[in-house]
Amino acid sequence: MSHQRFFMLPLWIRVWHWNNAALIILLLMSGLSLHYATPGAMLIKFSLARDMHNICGIILCINYLFFFFLNIVSGNWWQFIPRPHGYAMRCWLQVKYYLYGIFRGDPHPFPTTLQDNFNPLQQLIYWGIIYMFMPLLMITGVMYLYPSLAPDRWFGLDGLVPVAFLHYFAAFVIFLFMLIHIYLGTTGHTLTAKYKVMITGWEEPE
């Protein structure tokens, strides 16, 4: 469905988004290097990977606080809240579109508007990533950086063992999200249309 060109993403969202993407990529690279560091297989030198992971982790926390504050002040937080009436059916329509409708050239069931930047599935998934898994990743990361903050014992184990498991789990979920996010970024009316929106802030008519 065609629509008029409109300005959707202010500069602060775009800056946060690309900073966040760069930090997560650096954290994944350095985290893998730390986890699988051996003399024969090393993505990044251990000492460099350690410093990179710590510094990027701290910047990620600052970047998140920046987003969290402005998201509330600007009222943008409302974009992440699913509308309850008929939500399950709207999600099902979106799932069907992603499974086969998109490959048949069907119109998007929920085109982007100024009032609704996200489709029903995006609202649910983005909410989970931003308000659940990102905080989990950062909190457990801070506990790793400052072990004194972790409990001595947790579920009958050394306190850092559950912290490590939760940190890895959150990182894995965010990694999967990033892969899907990059792919879905190519599914606009042109291959780069959605990426251009995140650069310029303008949603173009289809």
C-alpha atoms as a PDB file:
ATOM      1  CA  MET A   1       0.000   0.000   0.000  1.00  0.00           C
ATOM      2  CA  SER A   2       1.402   3.395  -1.016  1.00  0.00           C
ATOM      3  CA  HIS A   3       1.675   6.155   1.550  1.00  0.00           C
ATOM      4  CA  GLN A   4       3.040   9.655   1.766  1.00  0.00           C
ATOM      5  CA  ARG A   5       6.658  10.287   2.692  1.00  0.00           C
ATOM      6  CA  PHE A   6       6.966  11.158   6.370  1.00  0.00           C
ATOM      7  CA  PHE A   7       9.701  11.706   8.947  1.00  0.00           C
ATOM      8  CA  MET A   8       9.684   8.740  11.331  1.00  0.00           C
ATOM      9  CA  LEU A   9      12.983   8.459  13.191  1.00  0.00           C
ATOM     10  CA  PRO A  10      14.572  11.412  15.009  1.00  0.00           C
ATOM     11  CA  LEU A  11      18.349  11.731  15.106  1.00  0.00           C
ATOM     12  CA  TRP A  12      18.710  10.396  18.648  1.00  0.00           C
ATOM     13  CA  ILE A  13      17.078   7.060  17.737  1.00  0.00           C
ATOM     14  CA  ARG A  14      19.271   6.665  14.671  1.00  0.00           C
ATOM     15  CA  VAL A  15      22.437   7.494  16.634  1.00  0.00           C
ATOM     16  CA  TRP A  16      21.470   5.056  19.381  1.00  0.00           C
ATOM     17  CA  HIS A  17      20.610   2.321  16.856  1.00  0.00           C
ATOM     18  CA  TRP A  18      23.918   2.424  14.959  1.00  0.00           C
ATOM     19  CA  ASN A  19      25.965   2.821  18.143  1.00  0.00           C
ATOM     20  CA  ASN A  20      24.139  -0.145  19.611  1.00  0.00           C
ATOM     21  CA  ALA A  21      24.722  -2.255  16.482  1.00  0.00           C
ATOM     22  CA  ALA A  22      28.459  -1.465  16.431  1.00  0.00           C
ATOM     23  CA  LEU A  23      28.861  -2.178  20.155  1.00  0.00           C
ATOM     24  CA  ILE A  24      27.038  -5.510  19.953  1.00  0.00           C
ATOM     25  CA  ILE A  25      29.201  -6.634  17.017  1.00  0.00           C
ATOM     26  CA  LEU A  26      32.383  -5.690  18.907  1.00  0.00           C
ATOM     27  CA  LEU A  27      31.101  -7.415  22.054  1.00  0.00           C
ATOM     28  CA  LEU A  28      30.290 -10.591  20.114  1.00  0.00           C
ATOM     29  CA  MET A  29      33.732 -10.641  18.481  1.00  0.00           C
ATOM     30  CA  SER A  30      35.601  -9.982  21.714  1.00  0.00           C
ATOM     31  CA  GLY A  31      33.337 -12.301  23.725  1.00  0.00           C
ATOM     32  CA  LEU A  32      33.935 -15.200  21.342  1.00  0.00           C
ATOM     33  CA  SER A  33      37.656 -14.489  21.463  1.00  0.00           C
ATOM     34  CA  LEU A  34      37.620 -14.616  25.263  1.00  0.00           C
ATOM     35  CA  HIS A  35      35.463 -17.735  25.423  1.00  0.00           C
ATOM     36  CA  TYR A  36      37.432 -19.756  22.865  1.00  0.00           C
ATOM     37  CA  ALA A  37      40.872 -18.276  23.421  1.00  0.00           C
ATOM     38  CA  THR A  38      43.583 -20.860  22.744  1.00  0.00           C
ATOM     39  CA  PRO A  39      47.080 -20.408  21.312  1.00  0.00           C
ATOM     40  CA  GLY A  40      45.980 -21.965  18.012  1.00  0.00           C
ATOM     41  CA  ALA A  41      42.546 -20.416  17.595  1.00  0.00           C
ATOM     42  CA  MET A  42      42.079 -16.804  18.503  1.00  0.00           C
ATOM     43  CA  LEU A  43      39.926 -14.225  16.762  1.00  0.00           C
ATOM     44  CA  ILE A  44      41.418 -11.341  18.729  1.00  0.00           C
ATOM     45  CA  LYS A  45      44.435 -11.350  21.045  1.00  0.00           C
ATOM     46  CA  PHE A  46      43.211 -12.202  24.556  1.00  0.00           C
ATOM     47  CA  SER A  47      44.402  -9.028  26.279  1.00  0.00           C
ATOM     48  CA  LEU A  48      42.928  -6.837  23.542  1.00  0.00           C
ATOM     49  CA  ALA A  49      39.667  -8.825  23.554  1.00  0.00           C
ATOM     50  CA  ARG A  50      39.403  -8.425  27.341  1.00  0.00           C
ATOM     51  CA  ASP A  51      39.890  -4.656  27.231  1.00  0.00           C
ATOM     52  CA  MET A  52      37.592  -4.307  24.190  1.00  0.00           C
ATOM     53  CA  HIS A  53      34.846  -6.324  25.883  1.00  0.00           C
ATOM     54  CA  ASN A  54      35.037  -4.363  29.121  1.00  0.00           C
ATOM     55  CA  ILE A  55      35.119  -0.927  27.454  1.00  0.00           C
ATOM     56  CA  CYS A  56      32.368  -1.733  24.939  1.00  0.00           C
ATOM     57  CA  GLY A  57      30.245  -3.219  27.727  1.00  0.00           C
ATOM     58  CA  ILE A  58      30.474  -0.011  29.764  1.00  0.00           C
ATOM     59  CA  ILE A  59      29.666   2.114  26.701  1.00  0.00           C
ATOM     60  CA  LEU A  60      26.721  -0.186  25.918  1.00  0.00           C
ATOM     61  CA  CYS A  61      25.308   0.482  29.403  1.00  0.00           C
ATOM     62  CA  ILE A  62      25.681   4.256  28.919  1.00  0.00           C
ATOM     63  CA  ASN A  63      24.131   4.001  25.451  1.00  0.00           C
ATOM     64  CA  TYR A  64      21.198   2.047  26.875  1.00  0.00           C
ATOM     65  CA  LEU A  65      20.575   4.589  29.643  1.00  0.00           C
ATOM     66  CA  PHE A  66      20.625   7.330  26.983  1.00  0.00           C
ATOM     67  CA  PHE A  67      17.991   5.438  24.973  1.00  0.00           C
ATOM     68  CA  PHE A  68      15.878   4.523  28.008  1.00  0.00           C
ATOM     69  CA  PHE A  69      15.694   8.119  29.229  1.00  0.00           C
ATOM     70  CA  LEU A  70      14.911   9.703  25.851  1.00  0.00           C
ATOM     71  CA  ASN A  71      12.479   6.927  24.986  1.00  0.00           C
ATOM     72  CA  ILE A  72      10.375   7.895  28.009  1.00  0.00           C
ATOM     73  CA  VAL A  73      10.799  11.667  27.666  1.00  0.00           C
ATOM     74  CA  SER A  74       9.906  11.651  23.959  1.00  0.00           C
ATOM     75  CA  GLY A  75       6.927   9.301  24.381  1.00  0.00           C
ATOM     76  CA  ASN A  76       8.495   6.859  21.910  1.00  0.00           C
ATOM     77  CA  TRP A  77       8.093   4.040  24.455  1.00  0.00           C
ATOM     78  CA  TRP A  78       4.465   3.725  23.306  1.00  0.00           C
ATOM     79  CA  GLN A  79       5.644   2.271  19.984  1.00  0.00           C
ATOM     80  CA  PHE A  80       6.841  -0.856  21.800  1.00  0.00           C
ATOM     81  CA  ILE A  81       3.543  -1.614  23.571  1.00  0.00           C
ATOM     82  CA  PRO A  82       1.302  -4.107  21.712  1.00  0.00           C
ATOM     83  CA  ARG A  83      -2.352  -3.076  21.399  1.00  0.00           C
ATOM     84  CA  PRO A  84      -4.274  -5.841  23.253  1.00  0.00           C
ATOM     85  CA  HIS A  85      -7.480  -5.951  21.169  1.00  0.00           C
ATOM     86  CA  GLY A  86      -7.116  -8.672  18.524  1.00  0.00           C
ATOM     87  CA  TYR A  87      -3.391  -8.917  19.127  1.00  0.00           C
ATOM     88  CA  ALA A  88      -3.120 -12.697  18.625  1.00  0.00           C
ATOM     89  CA  MET A  89      -4.869 -12.483  15.243  1.00  0.00           C
ATOM     90  CA  ARG A  90      -2.656  -9.580  14.132  1.00  0.00           C
ATOM     91  CA  CYS A  91       0.439 -11.585  15.073  1.00  0.00           C
ATOM     92  CA  TRP A  92      -0.867 -14.555  13.085  1.00  0.00           C
ATOM     93  CA  LEU A  93      -1.408 -12.355  10.020  1.00  0.00           C
ATOM     94  CA  GLN A  94       2.157 -11.096  10.348  1.00  0.00           C
ATOM     95  CA  VAL A  95       3.530 -14.636  10.759  1.00  0.00           C
ATOM     96  CA  LYS A  96       1.711 -15.768   7.601  1.00  0.00           C
ATOM     97  CA  TYR A  97       3.128 -12.803   5.743  1.00  0.00           C
ATOM     98  CA  TYR A  98       6.689 -13.664   6.799  1.00  0.00           C
ATOM     99  CA  LEU A  99       6.215 -17.389   6.060  1.00  0.00           C
ATOM    100  CA  TYR A 100       4.867 -17.114   2.542  1.00  0.00           C
ATOM    101  CA  GLY A 101       3.058 -13.852   1.790  1.00  0.00           C
ATOM    102  CA  ILE A 102       6.273 -11.892   1.409  1.00  0.00           C
ATOM    103  CA  PHE A 103       7.523 -14.358  -1.225  1.00  0.00           C
ATOM    104  CA  ARG A 104       4.300 -14.037  -3.244  1.00  0.00           C
ATOM    105  CA  GLY A 105       4.441 -10.270  -3.292  1.00  0.00           C
ATOM    106  CA  ASP A 106       1.406  -9.866  -1.012  1.00  0.00           C
ATOM    107  CA  PRO A 107       0.906  -6.384   0.488  1.00  0.00           C
ATOM    108  CA  HIS A 108       2.208  -5.948   4.005  1.00  0.00           C
ATOM    109  CA  PRO A 109      -0.667  -6.530   6.460  1.00  0.00           C
ATOM    110  CA  PHE A 110       0.564  -3.699   8.698  1.00  0.00           C
ATOM    111  CA  PRO A 111       2.388  -1.023   6.679  1.00  0.00           C
ATOM    112  CA  THR A 112       4.514   1.430   8.628  1.00  0.00           C
ATOM    113  CA  THR A 113       2.746   4.608   9.697  1.00  0.00           C
ATOM    114  CA  LEU A 114       3.713   7.552  11.872  1.00  0.00           C
ATOM    115  CA  GLN A 115       1.396   6.217  14.602  1.00  0.00           C
ATOM    116  CA  ASP A 116       2.622   2.599  14.309  1.00  0.00           C
ATOM    117  CA  ASN A 117       6.286   2.246  13.424  1.00  0.00           C
ATOM    118  CA  PHE A 118       6.276  -1.475  14.203  1.00  0.00           C
ATOM    119  CA  ASN A 119       4.104  -4.395  13.183  1.00  0.00           C
ATOM    120  CA  PRO A 120       2.610  -6.598  15.954  1.00  0.00           C
ATOM    121  CA  LEU A 121       5.477  -9.103  15.979  1.00  0.00           C
ATOM    122  CA  GLN A 122       8.074  -6.358  16.019  1.00  0.00           C
ATOM    123  CA  GLN A 123       6.404  -4.763  19.034  1.00  0.00           C
ATOM    124  CA  LEU A 124       6.562  -8.025  20.962  1.00  0.00           C
ATOM    125  CA  ILE A 125      10.100  -8.987  19.933  1.00  0.00           C
ATOM    126  CA  TYR A 126      11.600  -5.504  20.247  1.00  0.00           C
ATOM    127  CA  TRP A 127      10.024  -5.114  23.679  1.00  0.00           C
ATOM    128  CA  GLY A 128      11.543  -8.425  24.787  1.00  0.00           C
ATOM    129  CA  ILE A 129      14.990  -7.610  23.430  1.00  0.00           C
ATOM    130  CA  ILE A 130      15.183  -4.021  24.681  1.00  0.00           C
ATOM    131  CA  TYR A 131      13.468  -4.387  28.048  1.00  0.00           C
ATOM    132  CA  MET A 132      14.372  -7.971  29.004  1.00  0.00           C
ATOM    133  CA  PHE A 133      17.419  -9.406  27.271  1.00  0.00           C
ATOM    134  CA  MET A 134      19.481  -6.227  26.975  1.00  0.00           C
ATOM    135  CA  PRO A 135      19.137  -5.455  30.726  1.00  0.00           C
ATOM    136  CA  LEU A 136      19.903  -9.118  31.505  1.00  0.00           C
ATOM    137  CA  LEU A 137      23.032  -8.962  29.349  1.00  0.00           C
ATOM    138  CA  MET A 138      24.218  -5.727  30.963  1.00  0.00           C
ATOM    139  CA  ILE A 139      23.463  -6.671  34.567  1.00  0.00           C
ATOM    140  CA  THR A 140      25.242 -10.019  34.286  1.00  0.00           C
ATOM    141  CA  GLY A 141      28.096  -8.340  32.418  1.00  0.00           C
ATOM    142  CA  VAL A 142      28.574  -5.832  35.235  1.00  0.00           C
ATOM    143  CA  MET A 143      28.595  -8.734  37.708  1.00  0.00           C
ATOM    144  CA  TYR A 144      31.327 -10.357  35.651  1.00  0.00           C
ATOM    145  CA  LEU A 145      33.324  -7.128  35.575  1.00  0.00           C
ATOM    146  CA  TYR A 146      32.832  -6.636  39.328  1.00  0.00           C
ATOM    147  CA  PRO A 147      32.498 -10.172  40.817  1.00  0.00           C
ATOM    148  CA  SER A 148      31.872  -8.755  44.288  1.00  0.00           C
ATOM    149  CA  LEU A 149      28.403  -7.737  43.038  1.00  0.00           C
ATOM    150  CA  ALA A 150      27.487 -11.358  42.287  1.00  0.00           C
ATOM    151  CA  PRO A 151      25.993 -13.509  45.062  1.00  0.00           C
ATOM    152  CA  ASP A 152      28.379 -15.952  46.748  1.00  0.00           C
ATOM    153  CA  ARG A 153      26.035 -18.861  46.063  1.00  0.00           C
ATOM    154  CA  TRP A 154      23.117 -19.093  43.640  1.00  0.00           C
ATOM    155  CA  PHE A 155      20.962 -22.201  43.165  1.00  0.00           C
ATOM    156  CA  GLY A 156      23.562 -24.182  45.082  1.00  0.00           C
ATOM    157  CA  LEU A 157      26.351 -23.117  42.715  1.00  0.00           C
ATOM    158  CA  ASP A 158      29.153 -20.607  42.845  1.00  0.00           C
ATOM    159  CA  GLY A 159      27.500 -17.250  42.260  1.00  0.00           C
ATOM    160  CA  LEU A 160      29.274 -16.552  38.971  1.00  0.00           C
ATOM    161  CA  VAL A 161      28.188 -19.828  37.334  1.00  0.00           C
ATOM    162  CA  PRO A 162      24.490 -18.861  36.934  1.00  0.00           C
ATOM    163  CA  VAL A 163      25.621 -15.333  36.041  1.00  0.00           C
ATOM    164  CA  ALA A 164      27.776 -16.774  33.234  1.00  0.00           C
ATOM    165  CA  PHE A 165      24.923 -18.953  31.965  1.00  0.00           C
ATOM    166  CA  LEU A 166      22.472 -16.025  31.900  1.00  0.00           C
ATOM    167  CA  HIS A 167      25.053 -13.776  30.232  1.00  0.00           C
ATOM    168  CA  TYR A 168      25.735 -16.315  27.470  1.00  0.00           C
ATOM    169  CA  PHE A 169      22.030 -17.004  27.024  1.00  0.00           C
ATOM    170  CA  ALA A 170      21.177 -13.317  26.662  1.00  0.00           C
ATOM    171  CA  ALA A 171      24.081 -12.839  24.231  1.00  0.00           C
ATOM    172  CA  PHE A 172      22.913 -15.803  22.125  1.00  0.00           C
ATOM    173  CA  VAL A 173      19.335 -14.493  21.945  1.00  0.00           C
ATOM    174  CA  ILE A 174      20.563 -11.033  20.925  1.00  0.00           C
ATOM    175  CA  PHE A 175      22.863 -12.597  18.310  1.00  0.00           C
ATOM    176  CA  LEU A 176      19.930 -14.506  16.770  1.00  0.00           C
ATOM    177  CA  PHE A 177      17.830 -11.356  16.852  1.00  0.00           C
ATOM    178  CA  MET A 178      20.576  -9.427  15.076  1.00  0.00           C
ATOM    179  CA  LEU A 179      20.775 -11.992  12.251  1.00  0.00           C
ATOM    180  CA  ILE A 180      17.001 -11.947  11.734  1.00  0.00           C
ATOM    181  CA  HIS A 181      16.951  -8.161  12.065  1.00  0.00           C
ATOM    182  CA  ILE A 182      19.579  -7.767   9.319  1.00  0.00           C
ATOM    183  CA  TYR A 183      17.642 -10.099   7.004  1.00  0.00           C
ATOM    184  CA  LEU A 184      14.277  -8.394   7.604  1.00  0.00           C
ATOM    185  CA  GLY A 185      15.983  -5.080   6.900  1.00  0.00           C
ATOM    186  CA  THR A 186      16.203  -6.227   3.267  1.00  0.00           C
ATOM    187  CA  THR A 187      12.470  -6.911   2.910  1.00  0.00           C
ATOM    188  CA  GLY A 188      11.253  -3.393   2.157  1.00  0.00           C
ATOM    189  CA  HIS A 189       9.938  -2.305  -1.233  1.00  0.00           C
ATOM    190  CA  THR A 190      13.612  -2.184  -2.276  1.00  0.00           C
ATOM    191  CA  LEU A 191      16.576  -4.091  -0.861  1.00  0.00           C
ATOM    192  CA  THR A 192      17.932  -1.040   0.975  1.00  0.00           C
ATOM    193  CA  ALA A 193      14.733   0.927   1.705  1.00  0.00           C
ATOM    194  CA  LYS A 194      14.560   0.028   5.402  1.00  0.00           C
ATOM    195  CA  TYR A 195      18.252   0.752   5.894  1.00  0.00           C
ATOM    196  CA  LYS A 196      17.823   4.176   4.305  1.00  0.00           C
ATOM    197  CA  VAL A 197      15.064   4.963   6.820  1.00  0.00           C
ATOM    198  CA  MET A 198      17.480   4.238   9.655  1.00  0.00           C
ATOM    199  CA  ILE A 199      20.042   6.564   8.059  1.00  0.00           C
ATOM    200  CA  THR A 200      17.851   9.478   6.965  1.00  0.00           C
ATOM    201  CA  GLY A 201      14.851   9.078   9.290  1.00  0.00           C
ATOM    202  CA  TRP A 202      12.420   9.415   6.366  1.00  0.00           C
ATOM    203  CA  GLU A 203       9.927   6.681   5.464  1.00  0.00           C
ATOM    204  CA  GLU A 204       9.542   6.735   1.696  1.00  0.00           C
ATOM    205  CA  PRO A 205       6.338   5.838  -0.201  1.00  0.00           C
ATOM    206  CA  GLU A 206       6.271   2.368  -1.763  1.00  0.00           C
END
